[in-house]
Amino acid sequence: MYDSEELVHGDHWVDWTATTCPALLVLGSEGVIPAEQAERIVARRPGTVAVELAGDHLLPISAAGELAAAVKEFLAAL
């Protein structure tokens, strides 16, 4: 568990910009990613769409229906 936690820290821009396929960034309104960081994430990779849902970082649990709807809408727009 601690090893996987350590992997999320650091600079991951090279990985994030390594592809140009469409991406959906789903954020919880009470989550851990600040709005400024989300804006940078979207700006650095064309084709990225951000959606903010009411909830915390565990949206698959706290907002499962809304998350599913957001994914379906994103995929339908491709």
Foldseek 3Di string as FASTA:
>chain_A
DVVVVVVVDDDCLCVLAVDQEAEEAEAEPAEDDDPVNVVVSDVSHPNYDYDYDHDYPPCCPVPVPVVVVVVVVSVVVD
